[in-house]
Each structure stands twice: as structure tokens, then as C-alpha cells.
């Protein structure tokens, strides 16, 4: 424990701080106070706990240790600093960095997004994903083809990876980075294109194939990108219209990744605002 001493009323298993939540929805309903809604049960909260645990696992070992020490062990920053042999200010920076990472990871987790109902329309959901992907994408040059091919293979070879937004996002980051490097990335235009296509196609064409169908379409774009870049590198005369085709391919890749993330979080079936 830290230097702060808890008042006596916070001790014991039946106090508000330490009291265990109801095990299931029925117990939650039975234990609810009159004229109030039931407390969420352990079963209902389990998906949220798993989402948080998954996000924490993506922190560095040092960040995980600091978060656990501060929030689980309730140690002061001074004590954490002494154990790490660093200053209190350094602990403060590690904590803030870790919290920012957790905030970003949880904001993009489909379970959390469904829980807090982040979007009411198809447009809003698409806008949120385009904005988040644009913000997270780094500034580099051409895509790391080996990386996105590996990510693509994970999607196609193991169905459990299809539900991981982080895989789709990592591919989108690469495509956005190259478009930005070519000075052709515009998140507003990307959103407008997505909404226009959704208006023309509707929900049916994507829902029939589901996430695997989107992965197949994305794989086609990755192979097209590979083929186009090889031609440009071996024959300079292929610049021009074919380079525009390369931009279309990168844009389509981002679009399919956005659609996949919307499918995972359950917002793809929202209605498109007029």
C-alpha cells in the first residue's frame, strides 16, 4: 500500500470498495435497489474485462509494471520511482504514456465501442475509423509489403484473426502512410468515397461474404499493388495512368480495412445518413 491510510470504513469484504459484484444477470436483478436498475454482473462485464486485459498486454513490460503498481497495488509515484530507481517525474511520464496508449487501444476496441455506442449512423462510424486510422498512421514512404502480406495471410489462414481490428488497422496504416508520402491522402475524401460506395452498393454485397469476403477483396488489392509496383520499378515507361491505378489500389485497401472494422464492431449495418 502507499503512504495514504484508508479510513476504517473501507475495510472488510462487504464495503463498497471491496464488495464482489453479482455473478450473473439474475443475481444482479435480485440485488438491485428499489427504483434503480440492476448492477451489471460479472458475466456481463467479462467482455469488457477481456478488452482491457488485451489492451494492457500491448503495453511494454515497464508500462504494465507501473500501471499495476499505481492502480492495483496503490503505490505512490515516489515509491514506484524508488523501486525502479528513477525520479517521480519519470514515473509520471511512463504512467501518462501508458494511459494514452490504453485510451487509444480501448477507443478502437469493438467491445468498448459497442458498449458506449460511439456512432448512430453508418457515416459516423466510418468517420471515426478513418480519423483514428489517419491519426495513428506514421509518416513513411512506400508500404512494407512483407508486413501487410503477413497480416493478410493471418486473416486468410486462421478465422480467429478476422475478428482482430488490430490486424486490419495495421494494413490500413501502411496504405495511408504511402498515400500521405505521395501527398494524396485526404481523410475527408476517403470518407466521402466510402459513403458514396455504401450508397450505391448497400449492405448486401459485404454482408454476404462477411469478414472473410472482405479479406479476399483486400488480398486482391495487395496482389495488385505488388504487381503494379514491380512493373513501375522495372519499366519507368509504366508511370502515368498506371500510377493512378496504384493510388486507387491503396485507397481501396484503406476502404476495405475500414469496412472490416465496422463489421467487427457491429456498425456496418447502421443506416447511411442522407
C-alpha atoms as a PDB file:
ATOM      1  CA  UNK A   1       0.000   0.000   0.000  1.00  0.00           C
ATOM      2  CA  UNK A   2       1.030   3.607  -0.412  1.00  0.00           C
ATOM      3  CA  UNK A   3       1.548   6.245   2.266  1.00  0.00           C
ATOM      4  CA  UNK A   4      -2.160   7.079   2.345  1.00  0.00           C
ATOM      5  CA  UNK A   5      -4.022   5.295   5.155  1.00  0.00           C
ATOM      6  CA  UNK A   6      -7.549   4.198   4.348  1.00  0.00           C
ATOM      7  CA  UNK A   7     -10.307   5.057   6.840  1.00  0.00           C
ATOM      8  CA  UNK A   8     -11.666   2.106   8.835  1.00  0.00           C
ATOM      9  CA  UNK A   9     -14.994   2.149   6.962  1.00  0.00           C
ATOM     10  CA  UNK A  10     -13.213   0.988   3.805  1.00  0.00           C
ATOM     11  CA  UNK A  11     -12.079  -2.281   5.388  1.00  0.00           C
ATOM     12  CA  UNK A  12     -13.936  -5.568   5.095  1.00  0.00           C
ATOM     13  CA  UNK A  13     -15.423  -7.687   2.325  1.00  0.00           C
ATOM     14  CA  UNK A  14     -18.845  -6.062   2.470  1.00  0.00           C
ATOM     15  CA  UNK A  15     -17.745  -2.456   1.967  1.00  0.00           C
ATOM     16  CA  UNK A  16     -18.462  -0.664  -1.353  1.00  0.00           C
ATOM     17  CA  UNK A  17     -14.748  -0.697  -2.256  1.00  0.00           C
ATOM     18  CA  UNK A  18     -14.185  -4.442  -1.852  1.00  0.00           C
ATOM     19  CA  UNK A  19     -17.650  -5.915  -2.406  1.00  0.00           C
ATOM     20  CA  UNK A  20     -17.726  -8.511  -5.196  1.00  0.00           C
ATOM     21  CA  UNK A  21     -20.254  -7.887  -7.971  1.00  0.00           C
ATOM     22  CA  UNK A  22     -23.131 -10.248  -8.770  1.00  0.00           C
ATOM     23  CA  UNK A  23     -22.148 -13.402 -10.634  1.00  0.00           C
ATOM     24  CA  UNK A  24     -24.914 -13.327 -13.279  1.00  0.00           C
ATOM     25  CA  UNK A  25     -27.753 -11.110 -14.610  1.00  0.00           C
ATOM     26  CA  UNK A  26     -30.381 -12.827 -12.403  1.00  0.00           C
ATOM     27  CA  UNK A  27     -28.383 -12.219  -9.220  1.00  0.00           C
ATOM     28  CA  UNK A  28     -27.777  -8.626 -10.341  1.00  0.00           C
ATOM     29  CA  UNK A  29     -31.518  -8.097 -10.733  1.00  0.00           C
ATOM     30  CA  UNK A  30     -32.292  -9.629  -7.318  1.00  0.00           C
ATOM     31  CA  UNK A  31     -29.670  -7.465  -5.580  1.00  0.00           C
ATOM     32  CA  UNK A  32     -30.678  -4.207  -7.234  1.00  0.00           C
ATOM     33  CA  UNK A  33     -32.061  -1.460  -5.009  1.00  0.00           C
ATOM     34  CA  UNK A  34     -35.742  -0.434  -5.315  1.00  0.00           C
ATOM     35  CA  UNK A  35     -36.427   2.006  -8.172  1.00  0.00           C
ATOM     36  CA  UNK A  36     -32.951   1.506  -9.616  1.00  0.00           C
ATOM     37  CA  UNK A  37     -31.580  -0.555 -12.479  1.00  0.00           C
ATOM     38  CA  UNK A  38     -29.651  -3.764 -11.705  1.00  0.00           C
ATOM     39  CA  UNK A  39     -25.885  -3.681 -11.189  1.00  0.00           C
ATOM     40  CA  UNK A  40     -24.000  -5.323 -14.040  1.00  0.00           C
ATOM     41  CA  UNK A  41     -22.970  -8.888 -13.265  1.00  0.00           C
ATOM     42  CA  UNK A  42     -19.529 -10.451 -13.558  1.00  0.00           C
ATOM     43  CA  UNK A  43     -20.688 -12.316 -16.681  1.00  0.00           C
ATOM     44  CA  UNK A  44     -21.903  -9.110 -18.339  1.00  0.00           C
ATOM     45  CA  UNK A  45     -18.653  -7.308 -17.518  1.00  0.00           C
ATOM     46  CA  UNK A  46     -16.402 -10.157 -18.676  1.00  0.00           C
ATOM     47  CA  UNK A  47     -16.102  -8.932 -22.324  1.00  0.00           C
ATOM     48  CA  UNK A  48     -15.070  -5.508 -21.032  1.00  0.00           C
ATOM     49  CA  UNK A  49     -12.506  -7.060 -18.666  1.00  0.00           C
ATOM     50  CA  UNK A  50     -11.098  -9.087 -21.561  1.00  0.00           C
ATOM     51  CA  UNK A  51     -10.867  -5.964 -23.735  1.00  0.00           C
ATOM     52  CA  UNK A  52      -8.965  -4.109 -21.006  1.00  0.00           C
ATOM     53  CA  UNK A  53      -6.648  -7.087 -20.396  1.00  0.00           C
ATOM     54  CA  UNK A  54      -5.941  -7.326 -24.130  1.00  0.00           C
ATOM     55  CA  UNK A  55      -5.079  -3.613 -24.218  1.00  0.00           C
ATOM     56  CA  UNK A  56      -2.809  -3.891 -21.166  1.00  0.00           C
ATOM     57  CA  UNK A  57      -0.968  -6.817 -22.778  1.00  0.00           C
ATOM     58  CA  UNK A  58       0.000  -4.499 -25.648  1.00  0.00           C
ATOM     59  CA  UNK A  59       1.876  -2.135 -23.296  1.00  0.00           C
ATOM     60  CA  UNK A  60       5.599  -2.526 -22.713  1.00  0.00           C
ATOM     61  CA  UNK A  61       6.722  -4.525 -19.687  1.00  0.00           C
ATOM     62  CA  UNK A  62       7.769  -1.323 -17.922  1.00  0.00           C
ATOM     63  CA  UNK A  63       4.424   0.371 -18.626  1.00  0.00           C
ATOM     64  CA  UNK A  64       2.494  -2.671 -17.389  1.00  0.00           C
ATOM     65  CA  UNK A  65       4.541  -2.753 -14.201  1.00  0.00           C
ATOM     66  CA  UNK A  66       3.941   0.944 -13.476  1.00  0.00           C
ATOM     67  CA  UNK A  67       0.191   0.733 -14.173  1.00  0.00           C
ATOM     68  CA  UNK A  68      -0.120  -2.314 -11.908  1.00  0.00           C
ATOM     69  CA  UNK A  69       1.913  -0.695  -9.127  1.00  0.00           C
ATOM     70  CA  UNK A  70      -0.058   2.547  -9.206  1.00  0.00           C
ATOM     71  CA  UNK A  71      -3.581   1.244  -9.715  1.00  0.00           C
ATOM     72  CA  UNK A  72      -3.604  -2.331  -8.391  1.00  0.00           C
ATOM     73  CA  UNK A  73      -1.044  -2.102  -5.608  1.00  0.00           C
ATOM     74  CA  UNK A  74      -1.955   1.549  -4.882  1.00  0.00           C
ATOM     75  CA  UNK A  75       1.703   2.528  -4.506  1.00  0.00           C
ATOM     76  CA  UNK A  76       2.634   6.197  -4.591  1.00  0.00           C
ATOM     77  CA  UNK A  77       4.680   7.569  -7.503  1.00  0.00           C
ATOM     78  CA  UNK A  78       7.562   8.168  -5.103  1.00  0.00           C
ATOM     79  CA  UNK A  79       7.630   4.512  -4.039  1.00  0.00           C
ATOM     80  CA  UNK A  80       7.363   3.315  -7.628  1.00  0.00           C
ATOM     81  CA  UNK A  81      10.250   5.619  -8.540  1.00  0.00           C
ATOM     82  CA  UNK A  82      12.394   4.210  -5.739  1.00  0.00           C
ATOM     83  CA  UNK A  83      11.724   0.632  -6.843  1.00  0.00           C
ATOM     84  CA  UNK A  84      12.585   1.488 -10.445  1.00  0.00           C
ATOM     85  CA  UNK A  85      15.465   3.730  -9.388  1.00  0.00           C
ATOM     86  CA  UNK A  86      14.052   6.649 -11.361  1.00  0.00           C
ATOM     87  CA  UNK A  87      12.574  10.024 -10.447  1.00  0.00           C
ATOM     88  CA  UNK A  88       8.929  10.617  -9.584  1.00  0.00           C
ATOM     89  CA  UNK A  89       8.686  12.754 -12.741  1.00  0.00           C
ATOM     90  CA  UNK A  90       9.878   9.832 -14.861  1.00  0.00           C
ATOM     91  CA  UNK A  91       7.216   7.580 -13.341  1.00  0.00           C
ATOM     92  CA  UNK A  92       4.654  10.274 -14.123  1.00  0.00           C
ATOM     93  CA  UNK A  93       5.734  10.251 -17.771  1.00  0.00           C
ATOM     94  CA  UNK A  94       5.606   6.452 -18.020  1.00  0.00           C
ATOM     95  CA  UNK A  95       2.133   6.445 -16.498  1.00  0.00           C
ATOM     96  CA  UNK A  96       0.834   9.125 -18.870  1.00  0.00           C
ATOM     97  CA  UNK A  97       2.334   7.372 -21.883  1.00  0.00           C
ATOM     98  CA  UNK A  98       0.723   4.093 -20.840  1.00  0.00           C
ATOM     99  CA  UNK A  99      -2.669   5.719 -20.230  1.00  0.00           C
ATOM    100  CA  UNK A 100      -2.610   7.384 -23.642  1.00  0.00           C
ATOM    101  CA  UNK A 101      -1.852   4.027 -25.277  1.00  0.00           C
ATOM    102  CA  UNK A 102      -4.650   2.353 -23.344  1.00  0.00           C
ATOM    103  CA  UNK A 103      -7.072   5.116 -24.296  1.00  0.00           C
ATOM    104  CA  UNK A 104      -6.252   4.715 -27.985  1.00  0.00           C
ATOM    105  CA  UNK A 105      -6.421   0.906 -27.858  1.00  0.00           C
ATOM    106  CA  UNK A 106      -9.731   0.844 -25.987  1.00  0.00           C
ATOM    107  CA  UNK A 107     -11.337   3.524 -28.143  1.00  0.00           C
ATOM    108  CA  UNK A 108     -10.666   1.282 -31.143  1.00  0.00           C
ATOM    109  CA  UNK A 109     -11.775  -1.958 -29.489  1.00  0.00           C
ATOM    110  CA  UNK A 110     -15.125  -3.164 -30.895  1.00  0.00           C
ATOM    111  CA  UNK A 111     -16.412  -4.296 -27.474  1.00  0.00           C
ATOM    112  CA  UNK A 112     -15.801  -0.872 -25.955  1.00  0.00           C
ATOM    113  CA  UNK A 113     -17.167   0.955 -28.984  1.00  0.00           C
ATOM    114  CA  UNK A 114     -20.376  -1.105 -28.898  1.00  0.00           C
ATOM    115  CA  UNK A 115     -20.729  -0.541 -25.175  1.00  0.00           C
ATOM    116  CA  UNK A 116     -20.556   3.236 -25.326  1.00  0.00           C
ATOM    117  CA  UNK A 117     -22.434   3.452 -28.643  1.00  0.00           C
ATOM    118  CA  UNK A 118     -19.920   5.674 -30.394  1.00  0.00           C
ATOM    119  CA  UNK A 119     -21.918   6.079 -33.610  1.00  0.00           C
ATOM    120  CA  UNK A 120     -25.579   6.410 -34.571  1.00  0.00           C
ATOM    121  CA  UNK A 121     -25.181   6.304 -38.366  1.00  0.00           C
ATOM    122  CA  UNK A 122     -23.019   4.496 -40.922  1.00  0.00           C
ATOM    123  CA  UNK A 123     -21.374   7.810 -41.783  1.00  0.00           C
ATOM    124  CA  UNK A 124     -20.382   8.492 -38.168  1.00  0.00           C
ATOM    125  CA  UNK A 125     -18.910   5.031 -37.662  1.00  0.00           C
ATOM    126  CA  UNK A 126     -16.896   5.235 -40.885  1.00  0.00           C
ATOM    127  CA  UNK A 127     -15.711   8.735 -39.993  1.00  0.00           C
ATOM    128  CA  UNK A 128     -14.457   7.582 -36.610  1.00  0.00           C
ATOM    129  CA  UNK A 129     -12.443   4.739 -38.102  1.00  0.00           C
ATOM    130  CA  UNK A 130     -10.987   6.876 -40.892  1.00  0.00           C
ATOM    131  CA  UNK A 131      -9.982   9.556 -38.373  1.00  0.00           C
ATOM    132  CA  UNK A 132      -8.454   7.053 -35.946  1.00  0.00           C
ATOM    133  CA  UNK A 133      -6.503   5.288 -38.682  1.00  0.00           C
ATOM    134  CA  UNK A 134      -5.291   8.571 -40.134  1.00  0.00           C
ATOM    135  CA  UNK A 135      -4.093   9.758 -36.730  1.00  0.00           C
ATOM    136  CA  UNK A 136      -2.248   6.518 -35.958  1.00  0.00           C
ATOM    137  CA  UNK A 137      -0.563   6.082 -39.344  1.00  0.00           C
ATOM    138  CA  UNK A 138       3.081   7.079 -39.388  1.00  0.00           C
ATOM    139  CA  UNK A 139       4.872   9.196 -41.972  1.00  0.00           C
ATOM    140  CA  UNK A 140       6.976   6.900 -44.144  1.00  0.00           C
ATOM    141  CA  UNK A 141       7.376   6.148 -47.838  1.00  0.00           C
ATOM    142  CA  UNK A 142       6.192   3.017 -49.642  1.00  0.00           C
ATOM    143  CA  UNK A 143       4.350   0.241 -47.861  1.00  0.00           C
ATOM    144  CA  UNK A 144       6.122  -2.601 -46.105  1.00  0.00           C
ATOM    145  CA  UNK A 145       4.791  -5.271 -48.453  1.00  0.00           C
ATOM    146  CA  UNK A 146       6.231  -8.131 -46.409  1.00  0.00           C
ATOM    147  CA  UNK A 147       4.371  -6.903 -43.338  1.00  0.00           C
ATOM    148  CA  UNK A 148       0.979  -6.458 -44.975  1.00  0.00           C
ATOM    149  CA  UNK A 149       1.323  -9.791 -46.784  1.00  0.00           C
ATOM    150  CA  UNK A 150       1.960 -11.459 -43.446  1.00  0.00           C
ATOM    151  CA  UNK A 151      -1.076  -9.727 -41.955  1.00  0.00           C
ATOM    152  CA  UNK A 152      -3.176 -10.787 -44.961  1.00  0.00           C
ATOM    153  CA  UNK A 153      -2.066 -14.404 -44.528  1.00  0.00           C
ATOM    154  CA  UNK A 154      -3.113 -14.331 -40.874  1.00  0.00           C
ATOM    155  CA  UNK A 155      -6.587 -13.181 -41.911  1.00  0.00           C
ATOM    156  CA  UNK A 156      -6.994 -15.870 -44.567  1.00  0.00           C
ATOM    157  CA  UNK A 157      -5.415 -18.812 -42.757  1.00  0.00           C
ATOM    158  CA  UNK A 158      -6.917 -18.511 -39.296  1.00  0.00           C
ATOM    159  CA  UNK A 159     -10.516 -17.418 -38.798  1.00  0.00           C
ATOM    160  CA  UNK A 160      -9.922 -16.141 -35.268  1.00  0.00           C
ATOM    161  CA  UNK A 161      -7.700 -13.375 -36.607  1.00  0.00           C
ATOM    162  CA  UNK A 162     -10.523 -11.979 -38.707  1.00  0.00           C
ATOM    163  CA  UNK A 163     -12.114 -10.518 -35.558  1.00  0.00           C
ATOM    164  CA  UNK A 164      -8.964  -8.649 -34.534  1.00  0.00           C
ATOM    165  CA  UNK A 165      -9.264  -4.999 -35.571  1.00  0.00           C
ATOM    166  CA  UNK A 166      -5.549  -4.528 -34.888  1.00  0.00           C
ATOM    167  CA  UNK A 167      -4.697  -6.688 -37.941  1.00  0.00           C
ATOM    168  CA  UNK A 168      -6.908  -4.670 -40.273  1.00  0.00           C
ATOM    169  CA  UNK A 169      -5.670  -1.400 -38.782  1.00  0.00           C
ATOM    170  CA  UNK A 170      -2.020  -2.310 -39.290  1.00  0.00           C
ATOM    171  CA  UNK A 171      -2.677  -2.829 -43.011  1.00  0.00           C
ATOM    172  CA  UNK A 172      -4.593   0.446 -43.262  1.00  0.00           C
ATOM    173  CA  UNK A 173      -1.733   2.299 -41.541  1.00  0.00           C
ATOM    174  CA  UNK A 174       0.703   1.139 -44.222  1.00  0.00           C
ATOM    175  CA  UNK A 175      -1.571   2.200 -47.087  1.00  0.00           C
ATOM    176  CA  UNK A 176      -2.336   5.581 -45.514  1.00  0.00           C
ATOM    177  CA  UNK A 177       1.363   6.200 -44.890  1.00  0.00           C
ATOM    178  CA  UNK A 178       2.211   5.702 -48.560  1.00  0.00           C
ATOM    179  CA  UNK A 179      -0.706   7.861 -49.699  1.00  0.00           C
ATOM    180  CA  UNK A 180       0.473  10.561 -47.287  1.00  0.00           C
ATOM    181  CA  UNK A 181       4.021  10.214 -48.580  1.00  0.00           C
ATOM    182  CA  UNK A 182       2.680  10.716 -52.106  1.00  0.00           C
ATOM    183  CA  UNK A 183       0.762  13.761 -50.781  1.00  0.00           C
ATOM    184  CA  UNK A 184      -2.507  12.165 -51.861  1.00  0.00           C
ATOM    185  CA  UNK A 185      -4.103  11.280 -48.522  1.00  0.00           C
ATOM    186  CA  UNK A 186      -7.238  13.186 -47.552  1.00  0.00           C
ATOM    187  CA  UNK A 187      -9.387  11.702 -44.782  1.00  0.00           C
ATOM    188  CA  UNK A 188     -12.381  13.782 -45.899  1.00  0.00           C
ATOM    189  CA  UNK A 189     -12.177  12.427 -49.436  1.00  0.00           C
ATOM    190  CA  UNK A 190     -11.739   8.917 -48.078  1.00  0.00           C
ATOM    191  CA  UNK A 191     -14.920   9.211 -46.036  1.00  0.00           C
ATOM    192  CA  UNK A 192     -16.818  10.714 -48.964  1.00  0.00           C
ATOM    193  CA  UNK A 193     -15.720   7.811 -51.194  1.00  0.00           C
ATOM    194  CA  UNK A 194     -16.780   5.231 -48.602  1.00  0.00           C
ATOM    195  CA  UNK A 195     -20.206   6.809 -48.142  1.00  0.00           C
ATOM    196  CA  UNK A 196     -20.694   7.084 -51.896  1.00  0.00           C
ATOM    197  CA  UNK A 197     -19.916   3.394 -52.405  1.00  0.00           C
ATOM    198  CA  UNK A 198     -22.123   2.398 -49.489  1.00  0.00           C
ATOM    199  CA  UNK A 199     -24.958   4.423 -51.038  1.00  0.00           C
ATOM    200  CA  UNK A 200     -24.529   2.561 -54.339  1.00  0.00           C
ATOM    201  CA  UNK A 201     -23.924  -0.972 -53.032  1.00  0.00           C
ATOM    202  CA  UNK A 202     -25.875  -1.023 -49.762  1.00  0.00           C
ATOM    203  CA  UNK A 203     -25.217  -3.609 -47.048  1.00  0.00           C
ATOM    204  CA  UNK A 204     -25.867  -6.806 -49.008  1.00  0.00           C
ATOM    205  CA  UNK A 205     -22.691  -7.217 -51.037  1.00  0.00           C
ATOM    206  CA  UNK A 206     -20.443  -7.089 -47.948  1.00  0.00           C
ATOM    207  CA  UNK A 207     -22.716  -8.981 -45.555  1.00  0.00           C
ATOM    208  CA  UNK A 208     -22.996 -11.985 -47.894  1.00  0.00           C
ATOM    209  CA  UNK A 209     -19.275 -12.681 -47.681  1.00  0.00           C
ATOM    210  CA  UNK A 210     -18.677 -11.306 -44.202  1.00  0.00           C
ATOM    211  CA  UNK A 211     -15.183 -10.661 -42.917  1.00  0.00           C
ATOM    212  CA  UNK A 212     -13.673 -13.489 -44.966  1.00  0.00           C
ATOM    213  CA  UNK A 213     -15.136 -11.970 -48.113  1.00  0.00           C
ATOM    214  CA  UNK A 214     -13.586  -8.609 -47.226  1.00  0.00           C
ATOM    215  CA  UNK A 215     -10.259 -10.346 -46.605  1.00  0.00           C
ATOM    216  CA  UNK A 216     -10.415 -11.892 -50.102  1.00  0.00           C
ATOM    217  CA  UNK A 217     -11.141  -8.489 -51.658  1.00  0.00           C
ATOM    218  CA  UNK A 218      -8.279  -6.955 -49.666  1.00  0.00           C
ATOM    219  CA  UNK A 219      -5.944  -9.751 -50.766  1.00  0.00           C
ATOM    220  CA  UNK A 220      -6.763  -8.957 -54.400  1.00  0.00           C
ATOM    221  CA  UNK A 221      -5.737  -5.334 -53.803  1.00  0.00           C
ATOM    222  CA  UNK A 222      -2.482  -6.368 -52.120  1.00  0.00           C
ATOM    223  CA  UNK A 223      -1.576  -8.608 -55.076  1.00  0.00           C
ATOM    224  CA  UNK A 224      -2.495  -5.798 -57.458  1.00  0.00           C
ATOM    225  CA  UNK A 225      -0.253  -3.396 -55.533  1.00  0.00           C
ATOM    226  CA  UNK A 226       2.617  -5.909 -55.661  1.00  0.00           C
ATOM    227  CA  UNK A 227       2.212  -6.362 -59.408  1.00  0.00           C
ATOM    228  CA  UNK A 228       1.951  -2.629 -60.154  1.00  0.00           C
ATOM    229  CA  UNK A 229       4.977  -1.683 -58.077  1.00  0.00           C
ATOM    230  CA  UNK A 230       7.085  -4.382 -59.725  1.00  0.00           C
ATOM    231  CA  UNK A 231       6.151  -3.077 -63.185  1.00  0.00           C
ATOM    232  CA  UNK A 232       6.943   0.529 -62.238  1.00  0.00           C
ATOM    233  CA  UNK A 233      10.319  -0.443 -60.790  1.00  0.00           C
ATOM    234  CA  UNK A 234      11.369  -2.447 -63.865  1.00  0.00           C
ATOM    235  CA  UNK A 235       9.929  -0.189 -66.586  1.00  0.00           C
ATOM    236  CA  UNK A 236       9.868   3.589 -65.999  1.00  0.00           C
ATOM    237  CA  UNK A 237       7.549   3.981 -69.000  1.00  0.00           C
ATOM    238  CA  UNK A 238       4.718   2.429 -66.966  1.00  0.00           C
ATOM    239  CA  UNK A 239       4.352   5.679 -64.995  1.00  0.00           C
ATOM    240  CA  UNK A 240       1.251   7.775 -65.716  1.00  0.00           C
ATOM    241  CA  UNK A 241      -2.193   6.179 -65.795  1.00  0.00           C
ATOM    242  CA  UNK A 242      -0.848   3.061 -64.118  1.00  0.00           C
ATOM    243  CA  UNK A 243       0.442   5.150 -61.237  1.00  0.00           C
ATOM    244  CA  UNK A 244      -3.113   6.452 -60.783  1.00  0.00           C
ATOM    245  CA  UNK A 245      -4.168   2.794 -60.619  1.00  0.00           C
ATOM    246  CA  UNK A 246      -1.680   2.344 -57.784  1.00  0.00           C
ATOM    247  CA  UNK A 247      -3.339   5.179 -55.851  1.00  0.00           C
ATOM    248  CA  UNK A 248      -6.761   3.637 -56.413  1.00  0.00           C
ATOM    249  CA  UNK A 249      -5.429   0.351 -55.075  1.00  0.00           C
ATOM    250  CA  UNK A 250      -4.067   1.944 -51.901  1.00  0.00           C
ATOM    251  CA  UNK A 251      -7.332   3.811 -51.373  1.00  0.00           C
ATOM    252  CA  UNK A 252      -9.365   0.613 -51.808  1.00  0.00           C
ATOM    253  CA  UNK A 253      -7.161  -1.139 -49.258  1.00  0.00           C
ATOM    254  CA  UNK A 254      -7.936   1.505 -46.658  1.00  0.00           C
ATOM    255  CA  UNK A 255     -11.622   1.290 -47.518  1.00  0.00           C
ATOM    256  CA  UNK A 256     -11.810  -2.472 -47.014  1.00  0.00           C
ATOM    257  CA  UNK A 257      -9.992  -2.171 -43.685  1.00  0.00           C
ATOM    258  CA  UNK A 258     -12.500   0.441 -42.507  1.00  0.00           C
ATOM    259  CA  UNK A 259     -15.409  -1.767 -43.588  1.00  0.00           C
ATOM    260  CA  UNK A 260     -13.887  -4.772 -41.766  1.00  0.00           C
ATOM    261  CA  UNK A 261     -13.512  -2.815 -38.533  1.00  0.00           C
ATOM    262  CA  UNK A 262     -17.116  -1.643 -38.827  1.00  0.00           C
ATOM    263  CA  UNK A 263     -18.260  -5.251 -39.323  1.00  0.00           C
ATOM    264  CA  UNK A 264     -16.356  -6.350 -36.229  1.00  0.00           C
ATOM    265  CA  UNK A 265     -17.842  -3.654 -34.000  1.00  0.00           C
ATOM    266  CA  UNK A 266     -21.324  -4.083 -35.447  1.00  0.00           C
ATOM    267  CA  UNK A 267     -21.762  -0.630 -37.004  1.00  0.00           C
ATOM    268  CA  UNK A 268     -21.658  -1.668 -40.663  1.00  0.00           C
ATOM    269  CA  UNK A 269     -25.395  -2.438 -40.568  1.00  0.00           C
ATOM    270  CA  UNK A 270     -26.250   1.080 -39.407  1.00  0.00           C
ATOM    271  CA  UNK A 271     -28.227   3.173 -41.865  1.00  0.00           C
ATOM    272  CA  UNK A 272     -26.419   5.671 -44.040  1.00  0.00           C
ATOM    273  CA  UNK A 273     -27.419   9.235 -43.183  1.00  0.00           C
ATOM    274  CA  UNK A 274     -28.738  11.224 -46.117  1.00  0.00           C
END
